[in-house]
Structures are given as structure tokens and as C-alpha cells.
C-alpha atoms as a PDB file:
ATOM      1  CA  UNK A   1      -0.012  -0.188   0.166  1.00  0.00           C
ATOM      2  CA  UNK A   2       1.477   3.259  -0.845  1.00  0.00           C
ATOM      3  CA  UNK A   3       1.490   6.124   1.474  1.00  0.00           C
ATOM      4  CA  UNK A   4      -0.990   7.996  -0.277  1.00  0.00           C
ATOM      5  CA  UNK A   5      -3.300   5.135  -0.370  1.00  0.00           C
ATOM      6  CA  UNK A   6      -2.664   4.867   3.353  1.00  0.00           C
ATOM      7  CA  UNK A   7      -3.778   8.255   4.244  1.00  0.00           C
ATOM      8  CA  UNK A   8      -6.798   7.887   1.901  1.00  0.00           C
ATOM      9  CA  UNK A   9      -7.995   5.257   3.648  1.00  0.00           C
ATOM     10  CA  UNK A  10      -7.102   6.563   7.156  1.00  0.00           C
ATOM     11  CA  UNK A  11      -8.424   9.545   6.023  1.00  0.00           C
ATOM     12  CA  UNK A  12     -12.003   8.145   4.024  1.00  0.00           C
ATOM     13  CA  UNK A  13     -12.564   5.000   6.705  1.00  0.00           C
ATOM     14  CA  UNK A  14     -12.192   7.657   9.882  1.00  0.00           C
ATOM     15  CA  UNK A  15     -14.259  10.665   9.073  1.00  0.00           C
ATOM     16  CA  UNK A  16     -17.105   7.859   7.486  1.00  0.00           C
ATOM     17  CA  UNK A  17     -16.872   6.302  10.974  1.00  0.00           C
ATOM     18  CA  UNK A  18     -16.962   9.764  13.273  1.00  0.00           C
ATOM     19  CA  UNK A  19     -20.049  10.901  10.361  1.00  0.00           C
ATOM     20  CA  UNK A  20     -22.163   7.501  12.042  1.00  0.00           C
ATOM     21  CA  UNK A  21     -21.001   8.860  15.717  1.00  0.00           C
ATOM     22  CA  UNK A  22     -21.490  12.485  15.218  1.00  0.00           C
ATOM     23  CA  UNK A  23     -25.418  11.797  13.384  1.00  0.00           C
ATOM     24  CA  UNK A  24     -25.949   9.539  16.575  1.00  0.00           C
ATOM     25  CA  UNK A  25     -24.203  12.675  18.852  1.00  0.00           C
ATOM     26  CA  UNK A  26     -26.649  14.858  17.333  1.00  0.00           C
ATOM     27  CA  UNK A  27     -29.875  13.124  17.635  1.00  0.00           C
ATOM     28  CA  UNK A  28     -29.239  12.265  21.333  1.00  0.00           C
ATOM     29  CA  UNK A  29     -28.269  16.062  21.998  1.00  0.00           C
ATOM     30  CA  UNK A  30     -31.372  16.841  20.878  1.00  0.00           C
ATOM     31  CA  UNK A  31     -32.995  14.768  23.479  1.00  0.00           C
ATOM     32  CA  UNK A  32     -36.330  14.428  21.458  1.00  0.00           C
ATOM     33  CA  UNK A  33     -37.883  11.580  20.037  1.00  0.00           C
ATOM     34  CA  UNK A  34     -37.484  10.209  16.576  1.00  0.00           C
ATOM     35  CA  UNK A  35     -34.944  11.534  14.232  1.00  0.00           C
ATOM     36  CA  UNK A  36     -34.522  14.058  12.119  1.00  0.00           C
ATOM     37  CA  UNK A  37     -33.111  15.058   8.688  1.00  0.00           C
ATOM     38  CA  UNK A  38     -30.549  17.622   9.950  1.00  0.00           C
ATOM     39  CA  UNK A  39     -29.305  14.857  12.184  1.00  0.00           C
ATOM     40  CA  UNK A  40     -27.699  13.946   8.977  1.00  0.00           C
ATOM     41  CA  UNK A  41     -26.457  16.980   7.298  1.00  0.00           C
ATOM     42  CA  UNK A  42     -22.620  17.177   8.279  1.00  0.00           C
ATOM     43  CA  UNK A  43     -21.298  18.909   5.411  1.00  0.00           C
ATOM     44  CA  UNK A  44     -20.132  21.999   8.078  1.00  0.00           C
ATOM     45  CA  UNK A  45     -18.529  19.896  10.280  1.00  0.00           C
ATOM     46  CA  UNK A  46     -16.286  17.523   7.735  1.00  0.00           C
ATOM     47  CA  UNK A  47     -15.595  21.455   6.263  1.00  0.00           C
ATOM     48  CA  UNK A  48     -14.089  22.302   9.401  1.00  0.00           C
ATOM     49  CA  UNK A  49     -12.949  19.181  10.109  1.00  0.00           C
ATOM     50  CA  UNK A  50     -10.887  18.972   7.035  1.00  0.00           C
ATOM     51  CA  UNK A  51      -9.773  22.786   7.610  1.00  0.00           C
ATOM     52  CA  UNK A  52      -8.500  21.598  10.979  1.00  0.00           C
ATOM     53  CA  UNK A  53      -5.989  18.929   9.754  1.00  0.00           C
ATOM     54  CA  UNK A  54      -4.629  21.977   7.262  1.00  0.00           C
ATOM     55  CA  UNK A  55      -4.144  23.397   9.501  1.00  0.00           C
ATOM     56  CA  UNK A  56      -2.376  20.818  11.889  1.00  0.00           C
ATOM     57  CA  UNK A  57      -0.119  20.286   8.234  1.00  0.00           C
ATOM     58  CA  UNK A  58       0.974  23.827   8.116  1.00  0.00           C
ATOM     59  CA  UNK A  59       1.544  23.997  12.028  1.00  0.00           C
ATOM     60  CA  UNK A  60       3.307  21.039  11.790  1.00  0.00           C
ATOM     61  CA  UNK A  61       5.974  22.127   9.521  1.00  0.00           C
ATOM     62  CA  UNK A  62       7.036  25.283  10.951  1.00  0.00           C
ATOM     63  CA  UNK A  63       6.566  24.059  14.764  1.00  0.00           C
ATOM     64  CA  UNK A  64       7.815  21.181  14.708  1.00  0.00           C
ATOM     65  CA  UNK A  65      11.481  21.045  16.614  1.00  0.00           C
ATOM     66  CA  UNK A  66      14.594  20.273  14.568  1.00  0.00           C
ATOM     67  CA  UNK A  67      13.290  20.436  11.314  1.00  0.00           C
ATOM     68  CA  UNK A  68      15.424  20.396   8.158  1.00  0.00           C
ATOM     69  CA  UNK A  69      13.638  23.291   6.154  1.00  0.00           C
ATOM     70  CA  UNK A  70      16.049  22.219   3.418  1.00  0.00           C
ATOM     71  CA  UNK A  71      13.978  19.039   2.873  1.00  0.00           C
ATOM     72  CA  UNK A  72      10.470  20.709   2.730  1.00  0.00           C
ATOM     73  CA  UNK A  73       8.600  20.138  -0.478  1.00  0.00           C
ATOM     74  CA  UNK A  74       7.524  23.768  -1.257  1.00  0.00           C
ATOM     75  CA  UNK A  75       4.997  22.719  -3.788  1.00  0.00           C
ATOM     76  CA  UNK A  76       3.268  20.635  -1.333  1.00  0.00           C
ATOM     77  CA  UNK A  77       3.456  23.295   1.169  1.00  0.00           C
ATOM     78  CA  UNK A  78       1.738  25.775  -1.457  1.00  0.00           C
ATOM     79  CA  UNK A  79      -0.567  23.168  -2.368  1.00  0.00           C
ATOM     80  CA  UNK A  80      -1.809  22.655   1.567  1.00  0.00           C
ATOM     81  CA  UNK A  81      -1.867  26.764   1.533  1.00  0.00           C
ATOM     82  CA  UNK A  82      -4.275  26.584  -1.548  1.00  0.00           C
ATOM     83  CA  UNK A  83      -6.328  23.588   0.389  1.00  0.00           C
ATOM     84  CA  UNK A  84      -6.971  25.601   3.140  1.00  0.00           C
ATOM     85  CA  UNK A  85      -8.026  28.927   1.212  1.00  0.00           C
ATOM     86  CA  UNK A  86     -10.178  26.545  -1.068  1.00  0.00           C
ATOM     87  CA  UNK A  87     -11.197  25.216   2.384  1.00  0.00           C
ATOM     88  CA  UNK A  88     -12.522  28.226   3.998  1.00  0.00           C
ATOM     89  CA  UNK A  89     -14.379  29.518   0.974  1.00  0.00           C
ATOM     90  CA  UNK A  90     -16.217  26.110   0.523  1.00  0.00           C
ATOM     91  CA  UNK A  91     -17.062  26.490   4.624  1.00  0.00           C
ATOM     92  CA  UNK A  92     -18.616  29.577   4.185  1.00  0.00           C
ATOM     93  CA  UNK A  93     -20.447  28.260   0.391  1.00  0.00           C
ATOM     94  CA  UNK A  94     -21.851  24.917   2.881  1.00  0.00           C
ATOM     95  CA  UNK A  95     -23.005  27.433   5.379  1.00  0.00           C
ATOM     96  CA  UNK A  96     -24.951  29.706   3.200  1.00  0.00           C
ATOM     97  CA  UNK A  97     -26.517  26.536   1.686  1.00  0.00           C
ATOM     98  CA  UNK A  98     -27.786  25.997   5.229  1.00  0.00           C
ATOM     99  CA  UNK A  99     -28.998  29.405   5.149  1.00  0.00           C
ATOM    100  CA  UNK A 100     -31.084  29.098   2.192  1.00  0.00           C
ATOM    101  CA  UNK A 101     -31.988  25.785   2.204  1.00  0.00           C
ATOM    102  CA  UNK A 102     -32.576  24.119   5.823  1.00  0.00           C
ATOM    103  CA  UNK A 103     -35.894  24.269   7.035  1.00  0.00           C
ATOM    104  CA  UNK A 104     -37.859  21.479   9.242  1.00  0.00           C
ATOM    105  CA  UNK A 105     -41.223  22.771   8.009  1.00  0.00           C
ATOM    106  CA  UNK A 106     -40.775  22.022   4.137  1.00  0.00           C
ATOM    107  CA  UNK A 107     -42.526  19.325   2.603  1.00  0.00           C
ATOM    108  CA  UNK A 108     -43.047  17.505  -0.785  1.00  0.00           C
ATOM    109  CA  UNK A 109     -40.888  18.979  -3.617  1.00  0.00           C
ATOM    110  CA  UNK A 110     -39.382  22.021  -1.140  1.00  0.00           C
ATOM    111  CA  UNK A 111     -38.056  18.575   1.565  1.00  0.00           C
ATOM    112  CA  UNK A 112     -36.799  16.851  -1.643  1.00  0.00           C
ATOM    113  CA  UNK A 113     -34.620  19.845  -2.781  1.00  0.00           C
ATOM    114  CA  UNK A 114     -33.334  20.428   0.725  1.00  0.00           C
ATOM    115  CA  UNK A 115     -32.330  16.508   1.344  1.00  0.00           C
ATOM    116  CA  UNK A 116     -30.440  16.849  -2.231  1.00  0.00           C
ATOM    117  CA  UNK A 117     -28.883  19.855  -1.652  1.00  0.00           C
ATOM    118  CA  UNK A 118     -27.870  19.345   2.301  1.00  0.00           C
ATOM    119  CA  UNK A 119     -27.428  15.808   2.504  1.00  0.00           C
ATOM    120  CA  UNK A 120     -26.021  15.454  -1.064  1.00  0.00           C
ATOM    121  CA  UNK A 121     -23.803  18.657  -1.984  1.00  0.00           C
ATOM    122  CA  UNK A 122     -23.028  19.886   1.041  1.00  0.00           C
ATOM    123  CA  UNK A 123     -22.493  16.524   3.120  1.00  0.00           C
ATOM    124  CA  UNK A 124     -19.898  15.891  -0.230  1.00  0.00           C
ATOM    125  CA  UNK A 125     -18.439  19.485  -0.374  1.00  0.00           C
ATOM    126  CA  UNK A 126     -16.858  18.557   3.339  1.00  0.00           C
ATOM    127  CA  UNK A 127     -16.077  15.007   2.833  1.00  0.00           C
ATOM    128  CA  UNK A 128     -13.952  15.785   0.064  1.00  0.00           C
ATOM    129  CA  UNK A 129     -12.592  18.842   1.847  1.00  0.00           C
ATOM    130  CA  UNK A 130     -11.777  16.636   4.880  1.00  0.00           C
ATOM    131  CA  UNK A 131     -10.267  13.764   2.683  1.00  0.00           C
ATOM    132  CA  UNK A 132      -8.063  16.541   0.656  1.00  0.00           C
ATOM    133  CA  UNK A 133      -6.624  18.012   3.692  1.00  0.00           C
ATOM    134  CA  UNK A 134      -5.780  14.291   4.676  1.00  0.00           C
ATOM    135  CA  UNK A 135      -4.207  13.227   1.309  1.00  0.00           C
ATOM    136  CA  UNK A 136      -2.092  15.959   1.329  1.00  0.00           C
ATOM    137  CA  UNK A 137      -0.703  15.751   5.452  1.00  0.00           C
ATOM    138  CA  UNK A 138       2.973  17.022   4.838  1.00  0.00           C
ATOM    139  CA  UNK A 139       4.887  14.182   7.268  1.00  0.00           C
END
């Protein structure tokens, strides 16, 4: 298994497990009976986790004791900075999707549209940001 394959396996498997735990956690924290569709909207959480991973990558480069900057891959460093900026922009986009479309009172067509946008697009964007951040780990 190559280094990239390992990062993607770990970066994909761990977030999926955490997503399941997050869904259950949202339901338990709400303390009401039954499931709500908002329990499954994890795009914001995934996106923030991806941004956090990217920030951790960058901080480990600059704050790691004994770092030999001569061996540092500056192309990969630049890609991480780009991933951070892109992750922040996508985070804001995901938030706007939630502001515009999330409403528990939606029924019929509006409900289906909400599910497609928030459970589909929003969750997918967040997961891709997270997966990318893990795949771009510098060390």
C-alpha cells in the first residue's frame, strides 16, 4: 500500500466512522424522540474538520522542533496553503447552503430539494475537503 493509498484509506474510513458517531451524537444531544433529517447534515462539520487538518499540517511544518527546511517540499506546502484557502471558501459556501435551504417545515418538493442540496451537495463538499486535507498531510 502506497503512502497516498494509506492516507486516503485512513482519511476516508475514520471520517465515515466519525460521521456515524456524529449523526448519533446530534440525535442524542437534541433529546427528542425520533430522527430528524438535520441529524444527517454533516457538511459543515466535515468542512471544519478538513480545515483543521490542513492547519495542523501547516503548523507541523513550521513548529516541529529540529525541522530541516532544506528537505521540505515547497510545492506540497503551497498546495496545503491553497487547500486551506479553498477549504475556507467552501466552508462559507456550505454555510450559505444551510442558510438558504435548511428548514424542518419543508414538505414534498421543497423537502426533496433540501435533502439533495444538504445531504448530497453539502455533505459531499465537506467530505471531499476533509479527504483532501488528509491526503495532503506533509509528514
